[in-house]
Amino acid sequence: MQPLGPSEVDSSSIDVWVVSHGGVASNALCDHMQKQGIRTRPENYGLICHKQHPGTPIGKPILVIHGDYLDAIRSMDRRKFLTANAAKMCLGINAPEIPLSRFLQSFPDDPVGFSMFLESFRNAKSLGTDNVAFLRYPYTNDEALDAFKSLGVKIDMEGFSLRERKKKYSPRSKDVKAILDVYRNYNFEE
């Protein structure tokens, strides 16, 4: 289990802050970037990779990966990350022990925190707080290159490709079914 710890972004330990709501291959892209010497994973990466923008400048380029919301929920549920990621996006803490029913009760219109999370980065971008680019999953390497270019980040996408999403999903709990219903028609426009 990830220890409780600082969930502030230490901008001196990263070159790019890569964030996502989960279930959109952000780790695969971070791995690719790290191999090229682009620092994306500070010690507290597990605490900040799904964190809302704090509202104050980070001072580093920020890549926000989002999209494919229903399959992202299913993927996070299958890998047992859904409650942990909801806690990070809604509350900014690592608390996987909070039951999904509490998120449904406390945030009935946004129980996983997609809207809160994405809106925080849209606000940071529109206010000029930080240099933010959005990348919608699934994406092509050219789309990723365009996002990186807008951030002023030089990266080689050679050898990178998104793998096909695993479609083997286990039976859903009633809470996960309710969450899927909430996001059935969800779409975020940058």
Protein backbone atom coordinates (compact mmCIF):
# COMPACT_ATOMS: atom_id res chain seq x y z
CA MET A 1 0.00 0.00 0.00
CA GLN A 2 1.23 3.49 -0.87
CA PRO A 3 2.17 5.30 2.36
CA LEU A 4 0.51 8.51 3.35
CA GLY A 5 2.83 11.28 2.38
CA PRO A 6 3.23 14.59 0.68
CA SER A 7 0.85 15.02 -2.19
CA GLU A 8 2.30 18.31 -3.34
CA VAL A 9 4.01 18.38 -6.70
CA ASP A 10 7.76 18.83 -6.28
CA SER A 11 8.48 20.68 -9.51
CA SER A 12 12.24 20.36 -9.02
CA SER A 13 11.99 16.58 -9.40
CA ILE A 14 10.06 16.52 -12.71
CA ASP A 15 10.37 17.87 -16.23
CA VAL A 16 6.71 17.26 -17.11
CA TRP A 17 3.78 16.56 -14.81
CA VAL A 18 1.78 13.78 -16.47
CA VAL A 19 -1.65 13.34 -14.93
CA SER A 20 -4.73 11.35 -15.82
CA HIS A 21 -7.96 10.10 -14.32
CA GLY A 22 -6.62 6.56 -14.64
CA GLY A 23 -7.27 3.77 -17.09
CA VAL A 24 -5.76 5.64 -20.07
CA ALA A 25 -2.20 4.26 -20.31
CA SER A 26 -0.51 7.23 -18.66
CA ASN A 27 2.01 4.88 -17.05
CA ALA A 28 3.01 3.49 -20.44
CA LEU A 29 3.66 7.02 -21.71
CA CYS A 30 5.58 7.93 -18.53
CA ASP A 31 7.74 4.82 -18.99
CA HIS A 32 8.46 5.90 -22.58
CA MET A 33 9.37 9.42 -21.45
CA GLN A 34 11.56 8.23 -18.58
CA LYS A 35 13.58 6.06 -21.01
CA GLN A 36 14.41 9.29 -22.87
CA GLY A 37 15.53 11.04 -19.71
CA ILE A 38 12.35 13.09 -19.31
CA ARG A 39 11.55 13.03 -15.61
CA THR A 40 7.89 12.28 -14.91
CA ARG A 41 7.97 10.23 -11.72
CA PRO A 42 8.92 11.92 -8.46
CA GLU A 43 9.00 9.82 -5.28
CA ASN A 44 5.35 10.63 -4.59
CA TYR A 45 4.19 9.93 -8.16
CA GLY A 46 1.51 7.53 -6.91
CA LEU A 47 0.01 10.36 -4.86
CA ILE A 48 0.06 13.05 -7.57
CA CYS A 49 -0.63 11.20 -10.84
CA HIS A 50 -4.42 11.61 -10.37
CA LYS A 51 -4.41 14.81 -8.33
CA GLN A 52 -6.32 17.96 -9.26
CA HIS A 53 -4.34 21.05 -10.18
CA PRO A 54 -3.62 22.89 -6.91
CA GLY A 55 -4.58 26.29 -8.30
CA THR A 56 -1.10 27.73 -7.81
CA PRO A 57 1.66 27.52 -10.42
CA ILE A 58 3.62 24.29 -10.72
CA GLY A 59 6.00 25.91 -13.17
CA LYS A 60 6.40 22.79 -15.31
CA PRO A 61 4.49 21.69 -18.41
CA ILE A 62 1.46 19.57 -17.59
CA LEU A 63 0.06 16.82 -19.83
CA VAL A 64 -3.48 15.74 -18.95
CA ILE A 65 -4.54 12.42 -20.47
CA HIS A 66 -8.27 11.72 -20.45
CA GLY A 67 -11.02 9.98 -22.37
CA ASP A 68 -12.68 6.62 -22.97
CA TYR A 69 -14.36 7.22 -19.63
CA LEU A 70 -16.53 4.10 -19.28
CA ASP A 71 -13.78 1.69 -20.25
CA ALA A 72 -11.38 3.64 -18.02
CA ILE A 73 -13.75 3.03 -15.08
CA ARG A 74 -13.95 -0.66 -15.98
CA SER A 75 -10.16 -0.87 -16.28
CA MET A 76 -9.57 0.82 -12.93
CA ASP A 77 -12.17 -1.45 -11.32
CA ARG A 78 -10.60 -4.57 -12.85
CA ARG A 79 -7.17 -3.55 -11.53
CA LYS A 80 -8.62 -2.54 -8.13
CA PHE A 81 -7.63 1.15 -8.48
CA LEU A 82 -11.07 2.73 -8.81
CA THR A 83 -11.60 3.71 -5.18
CA ALA A 84 -7.99 4.87 -4.75
CA ASN A 85 -8.18 7.04 -7.87
CA ALA A 86 -11.56 8.45 -6.86
CA ALA A 87 -10.07 9.46 -3.49
CA LYS A 88 -7.15 11.16 -5.23
CA MET A 89 -9.34 13.04 -7.72
CA CYS A 90 -12.16 13.97 -5.35
CA LEU A 91 -10.26 14.51 -2.11
CA GLY A 92 -6.58 14.75 -3.04
CA ILE A 93 -5.64 11.90 -0.70
CA ASN A 94 -4.57 8.28 -0.96
CA ALA A 95 -7.47 6.52 0.75
CA PRO A 96 -8.39 3.32 -1.11
CA GLU A 97 -10.25 2.10 1.97
CA ILE A 98 -13.12 4.57 1.42
CA PRO A 99 -15.98 2.56 -0.10
CA LEU A 100 -17.35 3.57 -3.49
CA SER A 101 -20.76 3.99 -1.87
CA ARG A 102 -19.39 6.99 0.04
CA PHE A 103 -18.26 8.65 -3.20
CA LEU A 104 -21.67 8.00 -4.74
CA GLN A 105 -23.30 9.56 -1.67
CA SER A 106 -20.93 12.53 -1.35
CA PHE A 107 -20.46 13.29 -5.05
CA PRO A 108 -23.60 11.93 -6.76
CA ASP A 109 -22.96 13.80 -10.02
CA ASP A 110 -19.21 13.08 -10.15
CA PRO A 111 -18.43 10.09 -7.88
CA VAL A 112 -15.04 9.29 -9.42
CA GLY A 113 -14.08 12.97 -9.73
CA PHE A 114 -13.58 13.18 -13.50
CA SER A 115 -15.23 16.61 -13.74
CA MET A 116 -13.50 18.08 -10.69
CA PHE A 117 -10.14 16.77 -11.87
CA LEU A 118 -10.42 17.89 -15.50
CA GLU A 119 -12.00 21.26 -14.68
CA SER A 120 -9.08 22.06 -12.36
CA PHE A 121 -6.67 21.71 -15.29
CA ARG A 122 -8.94 23.56 -17.71
CA ASN A 123 -9.03 26.43 -15.21
CA ALA A 124 -5.24 26.38 -14.81
CA LYS A 125 -4.88 26.51 -18.57
CA SER A 126 -7.48 29.24 -19.18
CA LEU A 127 -6.11 31.41 -16.37
CA GLY A 128 -2.53 30.93 -17.56
CA THR A 129 -1.53 29.44 -14.21
CA ASP A 130 0.48 26.73 -15.97
CA ASN A 131 1.21 25.44 -19.46
CA VAL A 132 -1.36 22.65 -19.83
CA ALA A 133 -2.11 20.37 -22.78
CA PHE A 134 -4.89 17.82 -23.00
CA LEU A 135 -4.47 14.50 -24.80
CA ARG A 136 -7.59 12.44 -25.44
CA TYR A 137 -7.23 8.67 -25.14
CA PRO A 138 -6.96 6.70 -27.34
CA TYR A 139 -4.50 8.86 -29.23
CA THR A 140 -2.04 8.49 -32.07
CA ASN A 141 1.66 9.23 -31.76
CA ASP A 142 1.11 12.31 -33.93
CA GLU A 143 -1.55 13.59 -31.54
CA ALA A 144 0.84 13.02 -28.62
CA LEU A 145 3.59 14.86 -30.49
CA ASP A 146 1.24 17.81 -31.08
CA ALA A 147 0.43 17.95 -27.36
CA PHE A 148 4.11 17.80 -26.41
CA LYS A 149 4.95 20.46 -28.99
CA SER A 150 2.35 22.79 -27.47
CA LEU A 151 4.09 22.27 -24.12
CA GLY A 152 7.54 22.88 -25.56
CA VAL A 153 8.63 19.32 -24.74
CA LYS A 154 10.86 17.48 -27.20
CA ILE A 155 10.15 13.78 -27.30
CA ASP A 156 10.70 10.92 -29.70
CA MET A 157 7.58 8.79 -30.04
CA GLU A 158 9.42 6.15 -32.09
CA GLY A 159 8.69 2.71 -30.71
CA PHE A 160 5.70 3.81 -28.64
CA SER A 161 2.23 2.48 -29.28
CA LEU A 162 -0.85 2.06 -27.19
CA ARG A 163 -1.67 -1.56 -26.62
CA GLU A 164 -5.16 -2.80 -27.20
CA ARG A 165 -7.31 -2.40 -24.13
CA LYS A 166 -8.04 -5.59 -22.24
CA LYS A 167 -11.74 -6.33 -22.54
CA LYS A 168 -11.98 -9.08 -19.95
CA TYR A 169 -13.97 -7.47 -17.21
CA SER A 170 -15.14 -9.15 -14.06
CA PRO A 171 -18.71 -8.84 -12.82
CA ARG A 172 -19.51 -5.34 -11.57
CA SER A 173 -20.62 -4.43 -8.08
CA LYS A 174 -23.82 -2.42 -7.74
CA ASP A 175 -21.70 0.64 -6.90
CA VAL A 176 -19.58 0.31 -10.04
CA LYS A 177 -22.76 -0.17 -12.10
CA ALA A 178 -24.17 3.02 -10.55
CA ILE A 179 -20.93 4.88 -11.33
CA LEU A 180 -21.01 3.68 -14.94
CA ASP A 181 -24.59 4.98 -15.16
CA VAL A 182 -23.53 8.41 -13.86
CA TYR A 183 -20.85 8.72 -16.55
CA ARG A 184 -22.82 7.03 -19.35
CA ASN A 185 -23.02 10.27 -21.39
CA TYR A 186 -20.03 12.06 -19.89
CA ASN A 187 -17.75 13.99 -22.19
CA PHE A 188 -15.16 16.62 -21.38
CA GLU A 189 -14.19 19.19 -23.96
CA GLU A 190 -10.88 20.90 -23.50
